Protein backbone atom coordinates (compact mmCIF):
# COMPACT_ATOMS: atom_id res chain seq x y z
CA MET A 1 38.83 64.90 162.03
CA SER A 2 37.25 68.18 160.85
CA GLN A 3 38.14 71.84 160.96
CA THR A 4 36.79 75.29 160.10
CA LYS A 5 38.55 77.89 157.97
CA LEU A 6 38.34 81.42 156.71
CA GLU A 7 35.60 81.51 154.10
CA ASP A 8 35.30 83.39 150.82
CA THR A 9 31.67 83.47 149.69
CA VAL A 10 30.31 84.48 146.30
CA ILE A 11 26.73 85.72 146.64
CA LEU A 12 24.76 84.90 143.48
CA ILE A 13 21.64 87.05 143.15
CA ASP A 14 18.97 86.05 140.64
CA VAL A 15 17.76 89.32 139.07
CA SER A 16 15.55 87.76 136.39
CA ARG A 17 12.01 89.03 135.90
CA SER A 18 10.51 86.17 137.95
CA MET A 19 12.14 87.71 141.04
CA ALA A 20 9.74 90.67 140.76
CA ARG A 21 6.75 88.49 141.69
CA LYS A 22 4.66 89.56 144.68
CA ASP A 23 4.18 86.16 146.35
CA PHE A 24 6.63 87.54 148.96
CA TYR A 25 6.01 91.00 150.42
CA PRO A 26 6.81 93.45 148.95
CA SER A 27 8.44 91.28 146.24
CA ARG A 28 10.76 88.29 145.93
CA ILE A 29 13.81 90.41 145.10
CA GLU A 30 13.34 92.76 148.07
CA VAL A 31 12.99 89.86 150.49
CA ILE A 32 16.03 88.14 148.95
CA LYS A 33 18.08 91.33 149.31
CA LYS A 34 17.05 91.51 152.96
CA ALA A 35 18.09 87.87 153.45
CA PHE A 36 21.51 88.36 151.88
CA LYS A 37 22.17 91.47 153.99
CA TYR A 38 21.33 89.44 157.09
CA PHE A 39 23.59 86.62 155.82
CA VAL A 40 26.57 88.96 155.40
CA THR A 41 26.05 90.55 158.81
CA GLN A 42 25.77 87.16 160.54
CA LYS A 43 28.87 85.73 158.88
CA SER A 44 30.89 88.84 159.68
CA GLU A 45 29.93 88.54 163.34
CA ILE A 46 31.07 84.91 163.34
CA ASP A 47 34.39 85.78 161.65
CA SER A 48 35.22 89.33 160.57
CA ASN A 49 37.95 88.02 158.24
CA ASP A 50 35.49 86.22 155.97
CA ARG A 51 35.09 87.90 152.58
CA PHE A 52 32.24 88.34 150.11
CA SER A 53 31.81 88.91 146.39
CA ILE A 54 28.55 89.72 144.59
CA ILE A 55 27.41 88.54 141.16
CA THR A 56 23.99 89.08 139.62
CA PHE A 57 22.66 86.85 136.87
CA SER A 58 19.87 87.14 134.32
CA ASN A 59 20.62 87.12 130.58
CA GLU A 60 24.26 87.45 131.56
CA ALA A 61 26.31 87.37 134.73
CA LYS A 62 27.72 90.63 136.09
CA THR A 63 30.31 90.93 138.83
CA LEU A 64 29.21 93.86 140.98
CA LEU A 65 31.79 93.45 143.74
CA GLU A 66 35.10 91.61 144.03
CA TYR A 67 36.02 89.98 147.33
CA THR A 68 35.89 92.35 150.30
CA GLU A 69 35.63 92.17 154.08
CA SER A 70 33.62 95.40 154.21
CA VAL A 71 30.05 94.61 155.25
CA ASN A 72 28.98 98.17 154.44
CA ASP A 73 30.25 97.88 150.86
CA VAL A 74 28.45 94.57 150.39
CA ILE A 75 25.16 95.91 151.75
CA GLU A 76 25.40 99.02 149.58
CA ILE A 77 25.81 96.88 146.45
CA ILE A 78 22.97 94.55 147.44
CA ASP A 79 20.67 97.56 147.87
CA SER A 80 21.52 98.73 144.33
CA VAL A 81 20.43 95.49 142.63
CA ARG A 82 17.65 95.81 140.02
CA ILE A 83 15.55 93.34 138.00
CA SER A 84 16.14 92.54 134.30
CA GLY A 85 16.06 89.65 131.82
CA THR A 86 15.64 85.88 132.04
CA THR A 87 17.34 83.39 134.36
CA GLY A 88 20.90 82.51 133.27
CA LEU A 89 21.78 80.28 136.23
CA GLY A 90 24.63 78.55 134.38
CA GLU A 91 26.24 81.87 133.51
CA GLY A 92 26.03 82.95 137.16
CA ILE A 93 27.74 79.81 138.47
CA ALA A 94 30.41 79.97 135.75
CA ALA A 95 31.22 83.60 136.62
CA ALA A 96 31.40 82.72 140.32
CA ILE A 97 33.77 79.84 139.61
CA GLN A 98 36.07 82.12 137.64
CA ILE A 99 36.24 84.56 140.57
CA VAL A 100 36.89 81.72 143.01
CA THR A 101 39.66 80.35 140.81
CA LYS A 102 41.70 83.55 141.12
CA GLU A 103 41.78 82.97 144.88
CA ILE A 104 42.48 79.23 144.69
CA ARG A 105 45.53 80.03 142.59
CA GLY A 106 46.81 82.34 145.32
CA LEU A 107 48.37 81.51 148.64
CA GLY A 108 46.46 80.64 151.77
CA GLU A 109 44.05 77.90 152.81
CA LYS A 110 40.42 78.99 152.63
CA LEU A 111 37.04 77.44 152.11
CA HIS A 112 35.30 78.65 148.97
CA ARG A 113 31.53 78.91 148.88
CA ILE A 114 28.80 80.04 146.52
CA VAL A 115 25.34 80.89 147.85
CA ILE A 116 22.35 81.03 145.49
CA ILE A 117 18.76 82.10 146.10
CA SER A 118 16.63 81.47 142.99
CA ASP A 119 13.48 79.83 141.67
CA GLY A 120 15.82 77.44 139.86
CA ARG A 121 14.42 77.79 136.35
CA PRO A 122 17.39 78.45 134.02
CA TRP A 123 15.37 79.45 130.96
CA GLY A 124 18.00 81.89 129.70
CA SER A 125 21.10 79.75 130.27
CA THR A 126 23.48 78.98 127.44
CA ILE A 127 25.81 77.34 129.97
CA ASP A 128 24.61 74.14 131.65
CA PRO A 129 24.32 74.85 135.42
CA ILE A 130 24.63 71.15 136.29
CA LYS A 131 27.87 70.92 134.32
CA MET A 132 29.17 74.01 136.11
CA SER A 133 28.32 72.48 139.49
CA LYS A 134 30.45 69.46 138.61
CA VAL A 135 33.32 71.81 137.75
CA ALA A 136 32.85 73.51 141.13
CA ALA A 137 32.96 70.13 142.85
CA LYS A 138 36.31 69.31 141.21
CA LEU A 139 37.67 72.59 142.58
CA GLY A 140 36.37 71.85 146.08
CA VAL A 141 33.80 74.69 145.98
CA HIS A 142 30.60 74.23 148.01
CA ILE A 143 27.36 75.62 146.55
CA ASP A 144 24.46 76.23 148.95
CA CYS A 145 21.08 76.74 147.27
CA ILE A 146 17.80 78.13 148.53
CA GLY A 147 14.86 77.37 146.24
CA VAL A 148 12.15 80.03 146.17
CA SER A 149 8.57 78.79 145.66
CA GLU A 150 9.48 75.74 143.57
CA LEU A 151 5.82 74.69 143.48
CA GLY A 152 5.07 71.62 141.40
CA VAL A 153 8.73 70.55 141.37
CA SER A 154 9.73 67.50 143.39
CA VAL A 155 12.90 67.74 145.47
CA HIS A 156 14.63 65.18 143.25
CA ASP A 157 13.74 67.14 140.10
CA SER A 158 15.02 70.47 141.43
CA ILE A 159 18.03 71.83 139.53
CA LEU A 160 19.11 73.66 142.68
CA GLU A 161 18.99 70.42 144.69
CA LYS A 162 21.20 68.70 142.11
CA ILE A 163 23.68 71.61 142.19
CA ALA A 164 23.91 71.49 145.99
CA SER A 165 24.20 67.70 146.01
CA ASN A 166 27.00 67.72 143.42
CA THR A 167 29.08 70.14 145.53
CA ASN A 168 28.40 68.86 149.06
CA GLY A 169 26.34 71.97 149.74
CA LYS A 170 22.96 72.51 151.38
CA TYR A 171 19.64 72.71 149.59
CA ILE A 172 16.70 74.31 151.38
CA ARG A 173 13.27 74.96 149.87
CA ILE A 174 11.30 77.96 151.15
CA PHE A 175 7.80 79.35 150.56
CA ASP A 176 7.60 82.40 152.83
CA THR A 177 9.76 85.12 154.37
CA LYS A 178 10.17 83.37 157.74
CA SER A 179 11.43 80.13 156.20
CA LEU A 180 13.81 82.15 154.00
CA MET A 181 15.34 83.94 156.98
CA ASP A 182 15.64 80.62 158.86
CA ALA A 183 17.37 79.06 155.85
CA ILE A 184 19.84 81.91 155.35
CA SER A 185 20.68 81.86 159.06
CA GLU A 186 21.46 78.14 158.82
CA ILE A 187 23.67 78.64 155.78
CA ALA A 188 25.55 81.52 157.47
CA ALA A 189 27.17 79.04 159.87
CA LYS A 190 30.75 77.96 159.19
CA LYS A 191 31.30 74.82 157.13
CA GLU A 192 33.11 71.95 158.78
CA ILE A 193 35.24 69.97 156.36
CA ALA A 194 37.45 66.90 156.60
CA TYR A 195 41.10 67.75 157.24
CA SER A 196 42.21 65.59 154.29
CA ASP A 197 39.93 67.52 151.92
CA SER A 198 41.54 70.79 152.94
CA LYS A 199 44.89 69.64 151.53
CA LYS A 200 43.71 69.03 147.98
CA ARG A 201 45.38 71.27 145.40
CA THR A 202 44.93 71.88 141.70
CA THR A 203 47.57 73.28 139.35
CA ASP A 204 47.07 76.56 137.53
CA ALA A 205 46.92 74.87 134.12
CA ALA A 206 44.37 72.33 135.31
CA LEU A 207 42.25 75.09 136.86
CA LEU A 208 42.08 77.09 133.66
CA GLU A 209 41.29 74.04 131.53
CA THR A 210 38.55 73.07 133.98
CA ILE A 211 36.72 76.39 134.24
CA ALA A 212 36.94 77.59 130.62
CA VAL A 213 33.70 77.31 128.65
CA ASP A 214 32.99 76.86 124.96
CA LEU A 215 31.69 79.43 122.52
CA PHE A 216 28.15 78.62 121.39
CA LEU A 217 26.04 78.72 118.25
CA PRO A 218 22.82 80.76 118.41
CA SER A 219 21.00 77.67 117.14
CA GLU A 220 21.77 75.93 120.44
CA THR A 221 19.20 77.91 122.43
CA GLU A 222 15.53 78.53 121.71
CA GLU A 223 15.89 82.21 122.65
CA ALA A 224 18.56 82.77 119.97
CA GLN A 225 17.10 80.68 117.14
CA ASP A 226 15.31 83.65 115.53
CA ARG A 227 18.64 85.46 115.42
CA TYR A 228 20.26 82.42 113.78
CA VAL A 229 17.54 82.25 111.11
CA ALA A 230 18.03 85.97 110.44
CA LEU A 231 21.76 85.39 109.95
CA LEU A 232 21.17 82.49 107.57
CA THR A 233 18.68 84.46 105.47
CA GLY A 234 20.83 87.60 105.38
CA LYS A 235 18.30 89.70 107.29
CA ALA A 236 20.83 90.33 110.07
CA LYS A 237 24.59 90.77 110.22
CA ASP A 238 26.75 90.29 113.28
CA LYS A 239 30.24 91.76 113.30
CA CYS A 240 33.01 89.90 115.09
CA ILE A 241 34.32 91.83 118.11
CA ILE A 242 37.85 90.69 117.26
CA CYS A 243 38.12 91.64 113.57
CA PHE A 244 35.11 94.02 113.49
CA GLN A 245 33.85 92.43 110.26
CA ASP A 246 30.93 90.28 109.16
CA ILE A 247 33.08 88.30 106.68
CA CYS A 248 35.61 86.02 108.37
CA PRO A 249 39.14 87.07 107.30
CA ILE A 250 40.27 83.43 107.36
CA CYS A 251 37.56 81.25 105.80
CA LYS A 252 36.07 84.19 103.80
CA GLY A 253 32.54 83.17 104.75
CA PRO A 254 29.74 85.36 106.18
CA PHE A 255 29.25 85.38 109.93
CA PHE A 256 26.89 82.41 110.08
CA THR A 257 29.55 80.11 108.59
CA CYS A 258 31.89 80.19 111.58
CA GLY A 259 30.22 82.68 113.89
CA ARG A 260 30.02 81.88 117.58
CA PHE A 261 29.00 83.84 120.69
CA CYS A 262 30.42 84.37 124.17
CA PRO A 263 28.09 82.37 126.46
CA ASN A 264 28.20 85.13 129.08
CA CYS A 265 27.87 88.50 127.33
CA LYS A 266 26.63 87.03 124.00
CA SER A 267 29.19 89.02 121.99
CA PRO A 268 29.76 87.68 118.45
CA MET A 269 33.11 86.46 117.17
CA HIS A 270 34.36 84.30 114.32
CA LEU A 271 35.58 80.91 115.46
CA HIS A 272 38.70 81.34 113.35
CA CYS A 273 39.38 84.77 114.86
CA SER A 274 39.02 83.28 118.33
CA VAL A 275 41.69 80.72 117.41
CA GLU A 276 44.06 83.55 116.51
CA TRP A 277 43.12 85.39 119.71
CA ALA A 278 43.84 82.27 121.77
CA GLU A 279 47.25 81.89 120.16
CA ALA A 280 48.03 85.55 120.92
CA SER A 281 46.89 85.04 124.54
CA LYS A 282 49.08 82.01 125.22
CA ALA A 283 51.52 83.95 127.41
CA ALA A 284 48.67 84.93 129.74
CA THR A 285 46.74 81.63 129.81
CA GLY A 286 49.52 79.11 129.29
CA SER A 287 47.45 77.43 126.56
CA ASP A 288 46.84 78.04 122.86
CA VAL A 289 43.18 77.01 123.16
CA LEU A 290 42.20 79.40 125.98
CA PHE A 291 41.41 83.12 125.79
CA ARG A 292 39.33 85.79 127.49
CA CYS A 293 36.34 87.41 125.81
CA PRO A 294 37.48 90.87 124.63
CA ARG A 295 34.29 92.40 126.04
CA CYS A 296 33.53 90.70 129.39
CA TYR A 297 36.87 88.86 130.03
CA PHE A 298 35.07 85.54 130.52
CA LEU A 299 37.52 82.63 130.17
CA LEU A 300 36.68 80.78 126.95
CA ARG A 301 37.96 77.76 125.05
CA VAL A 302 38.27 77.07 121.32
CA PRO A 303 37.85 73.51 119.97
CA GLN A 304 40.99 71.39 120.17
CA ARG A 305 40.46 70.40 116.54
CA LEU A 306 41.13 73.99 115.41
CA LYS A 307 44.23 74.82 117.43
CA LYS A 308 46.56 74.07 114.51
CA LEU A 309 44.66 76.40 112.20
CA LYS A 310 46.89 78.76 110.23
CA GLU A 311 45.82 82.24 109.19
CA ILE A 312 45.12 82.67 105.48
CA LYS A 313 46.13 86.17 104.38
CA GLY A 314 42.96 87.07 102.49
CA THR A 315 43.77 85.16 99.27
CA ARG A 316 42.63 81.83 97.92
CA PRO A 317 45.13 78.98 98.39
CA ARG A 318 47.33 78.45 95.37
CA SER A 319 46.87 75.30 93.33
CA LEU A 320 48.69 72.35 94.87
CA ALA A 321 47.33 69.62 92.61
CA TYR A 322 50.65 68.80 91.00
CA GLU A 323 53.20 70.00 93.55
CA GLU A 324 55.45 67.71 95.56
CA ASP A 325 56.85 67.94 99.08
CA VAL A 326 53.98 69.97 100.55
CA PRO A 327 51.99 69.12 103.71
CA THR A 328 48.98 66.92 103.00
CA ALA A 329 45.57 66.50 104.59
CA LYS A 330 43.55 63.31 104.36
CA PHE A 331 39.92 63.87 103.33
CA VAL A 332 37.45 61.23 104.57
CA ARG A 333 33.97 60.65 103.15
CA VAL A 334 31.33 61.04 105.88
CA GLU A 335 28.15 59.01 105.47
CA GLU A 336 26.63 59.27 108.95
CA GLU A 337 24.61 62.11 110.46
CA SER A 338 26.12 64.08 113.35
CA GLU A 339 25.41 67.28 115.27
CA GLU A 340 28.82 68.60 114.25
CA LEU A 341 27.98 68.16 110.57
CA TYR A 342 24.64 69.97 110.89
CA ASN A 343 26.36 72.86 112.73
CA SER A 344 28.98 73.25 109.99
CA VAL A 345 29.10 75.29 106.79
CA CYS A 346 30.90 74.31 103.59
CA PRO A 347 33.85 76.73 103.09
CA ILE A 348 33.37 76.70 99.30
CA CYS A 349 29.66 77.54 98.88
CA HIS A 350 29.09 78.87 102.45
CA ILE A 351 25.86 76.86 102.75
CA ILE A 352 24.93 74.67 105.71
CA PHE A 353 24.58 70.88 105.45
CA ASP A 354 21.21 69.17 105.18
CA GLY A 355 22.82 65.78 105.77
CA PRO A 356 25.48 63.39 104.47
CA PRO A 357 27.34 62.55 102.33
CA ALA A 358 30.13 65.04 102.96
CA TYR A 359 33.91 65.14 103.12
CA LEU A 360 35.89 65.92 106.27
CA CYS A 361 39.41 67.36 106.30
CA MET A 362 41.26 65.37 108.98
CA SER A 363 43.77 68.19 109.45
CA CYS A 364 41.45 71.08 110.39
CA ALA A 365 38.12 69.22 110.83
CA THR A 366 36.34 71.21 108.11
CA TYR A 367 33.36 69.68 106.32
CA TYR A 368 32.81 70.02 102.55
CA HIS A 369 29.80 69.23 100.40
CA GLU A 370 30.69 66.33 98.14
CA ILE A 371 29.67 68.19 94.98
CA CYS A 372 31.57 71.33 96.07
CA LEU A 373 34.76 69.36 96.67
CA ASP A 374 34.47 67.65 93.27
CA LYS A 375 34.16 71.02 91.51
CA TRP A 376 37.03 72.44 93.61
CA LEU A 377 39.34 69.64 92.50
CA GLU A 378 38.20 69.94 88.87
CA GLN A 379 39.42 73.56 88.96
CA LYS A 380 42.91 72.27 89.86
CA GLU A 381 42.53 73.71 93.36
CA GLY A 382 44.24 71.03 95.35
CA ALA A 383 44.37 72.67 98.81
CA CYS A 384 41.95 72.76 101.72
CA ARG A 385 40.42 76.25 101.88
CA ILE A 386 40.97 76.43 105.65
CA CYS A 387 44.29 74.79 106.56
CA GLY A 388 45.90 75.17 103.11
CA LYS A 389 47.20 71.58 102.99
CA LYS A 390 47.21 69.44 99.85
CA ILE A 391 44.03 67.35 99.61
CA VAL A 392 44.47 63.58 99.64
CA LEU A 393 41.36 61.45 99.11
């Protein structure tokens, strides 16, 4: 048994520089804008209660229009779209999911859709679009994808095809204006879904945990590696948008020691400051590991291993070498290589790791150089510099 429902559709418009190409007349972006305007008009004629939201994506995702039934408003926004940046497909899908989630949490049974027209090359993404499509699938969101001129890419290798397949959506490949208009007309039709699927629900807490994304290191993307090198060498300084400082107020290290970036707007923030921000945001998110970026309000997540971190009030921990009845932290010698180790910075010397051996605080998951820890203990400093607990080897 199947049924049709009211539909909320997020229109994702790729505004990266590749959309300015002239293989469509007068350009890809102008033809895509025409197609989306036709899509909105067609869907509104089928059901005037269907709503639309518009997000553009390039280096970052931008919400241009929240859900509305007004076709005129949607068309006006589509007409205003301009080209800029590289393709951040993952950011676009993540932003769309966060908009959809607000509606899923509300009352009313609707079908939630995302429609993408792109060349499917996520060169600028710091968020994995395939991972985001799996999140969408868990939420029951369908993603329909139209691939523009994916020459030299087999159907099975297409990122857009994988996204559509993961979410029970449609994937259509087009190479000219006529095939694009045919494809968008096909996608404008109502979805028919199984009645049992329409009854699936997700709790608020589960929704937030599912859609939140992690902060990222600039070393994780090729585009940002030059920036990371500049931070390491002291040629650049990024100030945290939470504390407005380069030096972290908690670990006392320069930005590269615990600096991370919002994957959407790329704003810098100390990881330790984000932990404090998450704790302060618990009333709004229901979790002490979730928070919204202070600049773009993207829903973010701090590592579970840091959620017990306590703020250090700008002074070095007092010596705990000979004190009794204080909290302890087991330190474990690490002899194997790991990505986490190479992305860490010793809180004593503020230098990155070139490999094991190292010591790991099991309380706050902070790595120490072996030689730095030895010198620290020789100075009768018996506490972890981050969590403040007595060191036990």
